[in-house]
Protein backbone atom coordinates (compact mmCIF):
# COMPACT_ATOMS: atom_id res chain seq x y z
CA UNK A 1 -0.03 0.01 -0.01
CA UNK A 2 2.70 2.50 0.99
CA UNK A 3 4.85 1.60 -2.06
CA UNK A 4 1.83 2.32 -4.29
CA UNK A 5 1.38 5.68 -2.54
CA UNK A 6 5.16 6.51 -2.88
CA UNK A 7 5.31 5.84 -6.61
CA UNK A 8 3.39 8.92 -7.93
CA UNK A 9 5.11 11.15 -5.45
CA UNK A 10 8.56 10.00 -6.69
CA UNK A 11 7.51 10.35 -10.32
CA UNK A 12 5.97 13.83 -9.83
CA UNK A 13 9.25 15.06 -8.07
CA UNK A 14 11.28 13.44 -10.81
CA UNK A 15 13.23 11.27 -8.32
CA UNK A 16 14.11 8.83 -11.00
CA UNK A 17 16.38 6.51 -8.78
CA UNK A 18 13.74 6.48 -6.10
CA UNK A 19 11.00 5.77 -8.71
CA UNK A 20 13.11 2.76 -10.02
CA UNK A 21 13.70 1.40 -6.57
CA UNK A 22 10.01 1.70 -5.66
CA UNK A 23 9.02 -0.10 -8.87
CA UNK A 24 11.41 -2.93 -8.05
CA UNK A 25 10.08 -3.13 -4.51
CA UNK A 26 6.53 -3.34 -5.87
CA UNK A 27 7.70 -5.97 -8.32
CA UNK A 28 9.23 -7.98 -5.38
CA UNK A 29 5.93 -7.85 -3.51
CA UNK A 30 3.99 -9.15 -6.57
CA UNK A 31 6.66 -11.75 -7.24
CA UNK A 32 6.40 -13.04 -3.60
CA UNK A 33 2.57 -13.18 -3.94
CA UNK A 34 2.90 -15.26 -7.05
CA UNK A 35 1.78 -12.57 -9.42
CA UNK A 36 4.70 -13.06 -11.87
CA UNK A 37 3.24 -11.27 -14.80
CA UNK A 38 2.48 -8.17 -12.84
CA UNK A 39 5.94 -8.25 -11.16
CA UNK A 40 7.57 -8.54 -14.57
CA UNK A 41 5.97 -5.19 -15.69
CA UNK A 42 7.31 -3.36 -12.66
CA UNK A 43 10.79 -4.92 -12.94
CA UNK A 44 10.88 -3.95 -16.73
CA UNK A 45 9.97 -0.38 -15.92
CA UNK A 46 12.57 -0.19 -13.15
CA UNK A 47 15.13 -1.56 -15.50
CA UNK A 48 14.40 0.94 -18.17
CA UNK A 49 14.93 3.81 -15.62
CA UNK A 50 18.07 2.25 -14.20
CA UNK A 51 19.60 1.76 -17.70
CA UNK A 52 18.76 5.48 -18.55
CA UNK A 53 20.49 6.48 -15.26
CA UNK A 54 23.48 4.27 -15.84
CA UNK A 55 22.94 2.50 -12.45
CA UNK A 56 24.53 -0.78 -13.57
CA UNK A 57 24.15 -2.59 -10.24
CA UNK A 58 20.40 -2.14 -10.04
CA UNK A 59 20.07 -2.54 -13.68
CA UNK A 60 21.72 -6.01 -13.38
CA UNK A 61 19.50 -6.81 -10.34
CA UNK A 62 16.41 -5.98 -12.59
CA UNK A 63 17.67 -8.41 -15.26
CA UNK A 64 17.88 -11.12 -12.42
CA UNK A 65 14.44 -10.27 -11.18
CA UNK A 66 13.01 -10.32 -14.72
CA UNK A 67 14.81 -13.66 -15.35
CA UNK A 68 13.16 -15.05 -12.14
CA UNK A 69 9.71 -14.05 -13.40
CA UNK A 70 10.26 -15.70 -16.79
CA UNK A 71 11.50 -18.79 -15.00
CA UNK A 72 8.40 -18.87 -12.80
CA UNK A 73 6.26 -18.48 -15.92
CA UNK A 74 8.06 -21.40 -17.63
CA UNK A 75 9.65 -19.14 -20.17
CA UNK A 76 13.28 -20.57 -19.73
CA UNK A 77 14.85 -19.16 -22.80
CA UNK A 78 13.89 -15.66 -21.85
CA UNK A 79 14.94 -16.30 -18.20
CA UNK A 80 18.43 -17.45 -19.58
CA UNK A 81 18.76 -14.27 -21.69
CA UNK A 82 18.07 -12.16 -18.58
CA UNK A 83 20.43 -14.06 -16.26
CA UNK A 84 23.17 -13.78 -18.89
CA UNK A 85 22.56 -10.04 -19.19
CA UNK A 86 22.82 -9.79 -15.44
CA UNK A 87 26.04 -11.79 -15.46
CA UNK A 88 27.57 -9.38 -18.08
CA UNK A 89 26.74 -6.33 -16.18
CA UNK A 90 27.79 -7.76 -12.80
CA UNK A 91 31.11 -8.90 -14.37
CA UNK A 92 31.73 -5.42 -15.80
CA UNK A 93 31.29 -3.85 -12.43
CA UNK A 94 33.07 -6.69 -10.49
CA UNK A 95 30.21 -7.65 -8.06
CA UNK A 96 31.58 -11.08 -7.17
CA UNK A 97 28.66 -12.16 -4.97
CA UNK A 98 26.23 -11.21 -7.70
CA UNK A 99 28.20 -12.99 -10.36
CA UNK A 100 28.03 -16.17 -8.20
CA UNK A 101 24.25 -15.70 -7.91
CA UNK A 102 23.98 -15.21 -11.74
CA UNK A 103 26.07 -18.34 -12.44
CA UNK A 104 23.84 -20.38 -10.17
CA UNK A 105 20.68 -19.11 -11.94
CA UNK A 106 22.22 -19.89 -15.37
CA UNK A 107 23.19 -23.32 -14.06
CA UNK A 108 19.73 -24.11 -12.88
CA UNK A 109 18.30 -23.29 -16.30
CA UNK A 110 20.88 -25.79 -17.92
CA UNK A 111 20.07 -28.32 -15.19
CA UNK A 112 16.32 -28.15 -15.89
CA UNK A 113 17.07 -28.64 -19.62
CA UNK A 114 19.20 -31.69 -18.83
CA UNK A 115 22.38 -29.98 -20.04
CA UNK A 116 24.38 -31.25 -17.18
CA UNK A 117 27.89 -30.22 -18.35
CA UNK A 118 26.84 -26.68 -18.76
CA UNK A 119 24.98 -26.65 -15.47
CA UNK A 120 27.97 -28.13 -13.63
CA UNK A 121 30.36 -25.69 -15.13
CA UNK A 122 28.26 -22.80 -13.98
CA UNK A 123 27.66 -24.23 -10.55
CA UNK A 124 31.49 -24.91 -10.14
CA UNK A 125 32.25 -21.28 -11.13
CA UNK A 126 29.66 -20.02 -8.65
CA UNK A 127 31.03 -22.34 -5.94
CA UNK A 128 34.70 -21.05 -6.52
CA UNK A 129 33.48 -17.43 -6.15
CA UNK A 130 31.37 -18.15 -3.05
CA UNK A 131 34.25 -20.12 -1.41
CA UNK A 132 36.64 -17.23 -2.17
CA UNK A 133 34.21 -14.75 -0.51
CA UNK A 134 33.32 -17.14 2.22
CA UNK A 135 29.56 -16.83 1.45
CA UNK A 136 28.37 -19.74 3.41
CA UNK A 137 24.68 -19.84 2.12
CA UNK A 138 25.96 -19.70 -1.52
CA UNK A 139 28.45 -22.41 -0.76
CA UNK A 140 25.59 -24.65 0.55
CA UNK A 141 23.33 -23.79 -2.36
CA UNK A 142 26.01 -24.80 -4.86
CA UNK A 143 26.98 -27.82 -3.05
CA UNK A 144 23.26 -28.90 -3.41
CA UNK A 145 23.25 -27.88 -7.08
CA UNK A 146 26.48 -29.85 -7.89
CA UNK A 147 25.11 -32.79 -5.83
CA UNK A 148 21.96 -32.69 -7.94
CA UNK A 149 23.99 -33.06 -11.12
CA UNK A 150 26.05 -35.78 -9.62
CA UNK A 151 22.84 -37.62 -8.63
CA UNK A 152 21.43 -37.23 -12.16
CA UNK A 153 24.58 -38.70 -13.54
CA UNK A 154 24.41 -41.65 -11.21
CA UNK A 155 27.34 -40.70 -8.98
CA UNK A 156 25.31 -41.26 -5.69
CA UNK A 157 28.05 -41.36 -3.24
CA UNK A 158 29.59 -38.09 -4.50
CA UNK A 159 26.04 -36.56 -4.57
CA UNK A 160 25.46 -37.68 -1.04
CA UNK A 161 28.79 -36.26 0.19
CA UNK A 162 27.82 -32.82 -1.35
CA UNK A 163 24.39 -32.92 0.16
CA UNK A 164 25.78 -33.83 3.61
CA UNK A 165 28.23 -30.85 3.42
CA UNK A 166 25.44 -28.53 2.39
CA UNK A 167 23.44 -29.76 5.36
CA UNK A 168 26.40 -29.12 7.78
CA UNK A 169 26.74 -25.60 6.54
CA UNK A 170 23.03 -24.80 6.61
CA UNK A 171 22.61 -26.06 10.14
CA UNK A 172 25.63 -24.05 11.23
CA UNK A 173 24.20 -20.78 9.88
CA UNK A 174 20.63 -21.51 11.00
CA UNK A 175 18.96 -21.82 7.54
CA UNK A 176 16.13 -24.08 8.62
CA UNK A 177 14.23 -24.02 5.34
CA UNK A 178 17.30 -24.98 3.50
CA UNK A 179 18.11 -27.68 6.03
CA UNK A 180 14.68 -29.26 5.04
CA UNK A 181 15.80 -29.17 1.47
CA UNK A 182 19.20 -30.67 2.31
CA UNK A 183 17.40 -33.57 4.04
CA UNK A 184 15.22 -34.08 1.07
CA UNK A 185 18.21 -34.23 -1.29
CA UNK A 186 19.90 -36.79 1.00
CA UNK A 187 16.79 -38.88 0.94
CA UNK A 188 16.67 -38.77 -2.84
CA UNK A 189 20.30 -39.75 -3.16
CA UNK A 190 19.62 -42.84 -0.93
CA UNK A 191 16.48 -43.71 -2.99
CA UNK A 192 18.50 -43.59 -6.16
């Protein structure tokens, strides 16, 4: 409600960066509510403003948000285009944590397409950055992602080792939702 009220004020005062931020925030609310088409419109408008202002960091974030919307809508080719555009911008400005995130998103698209070599390559690159930066949550995420590729390839013991390491990290940093996912992945590895 307050974001919707803030939007015309920031537009009338020509506070372009505030307008772009508000649009992104509204888009995130719609995304969280499952209104992906509506969120997409807000993210695209925010990206247009950020691009005009040369705000590469938020411009890249808009590409990521748009990619997530396309992914949720099942438009994986469009999602991949957006994630690659985010990666290109994040690489230019040297945002390592964002690069790791972008690589993980790209890897997931390839994983869902069954292109496991491409998925694994992206996950390993993301893991290397996350490890270098000591980003525990991203390390656990990519351990799960790599484990999933290994499971799909029939390397169950290696997959299990990755899932257990992810579980250890997620428990240590208190990510209970992800801990449940880790247990699920461990169970799937044992079933395979």
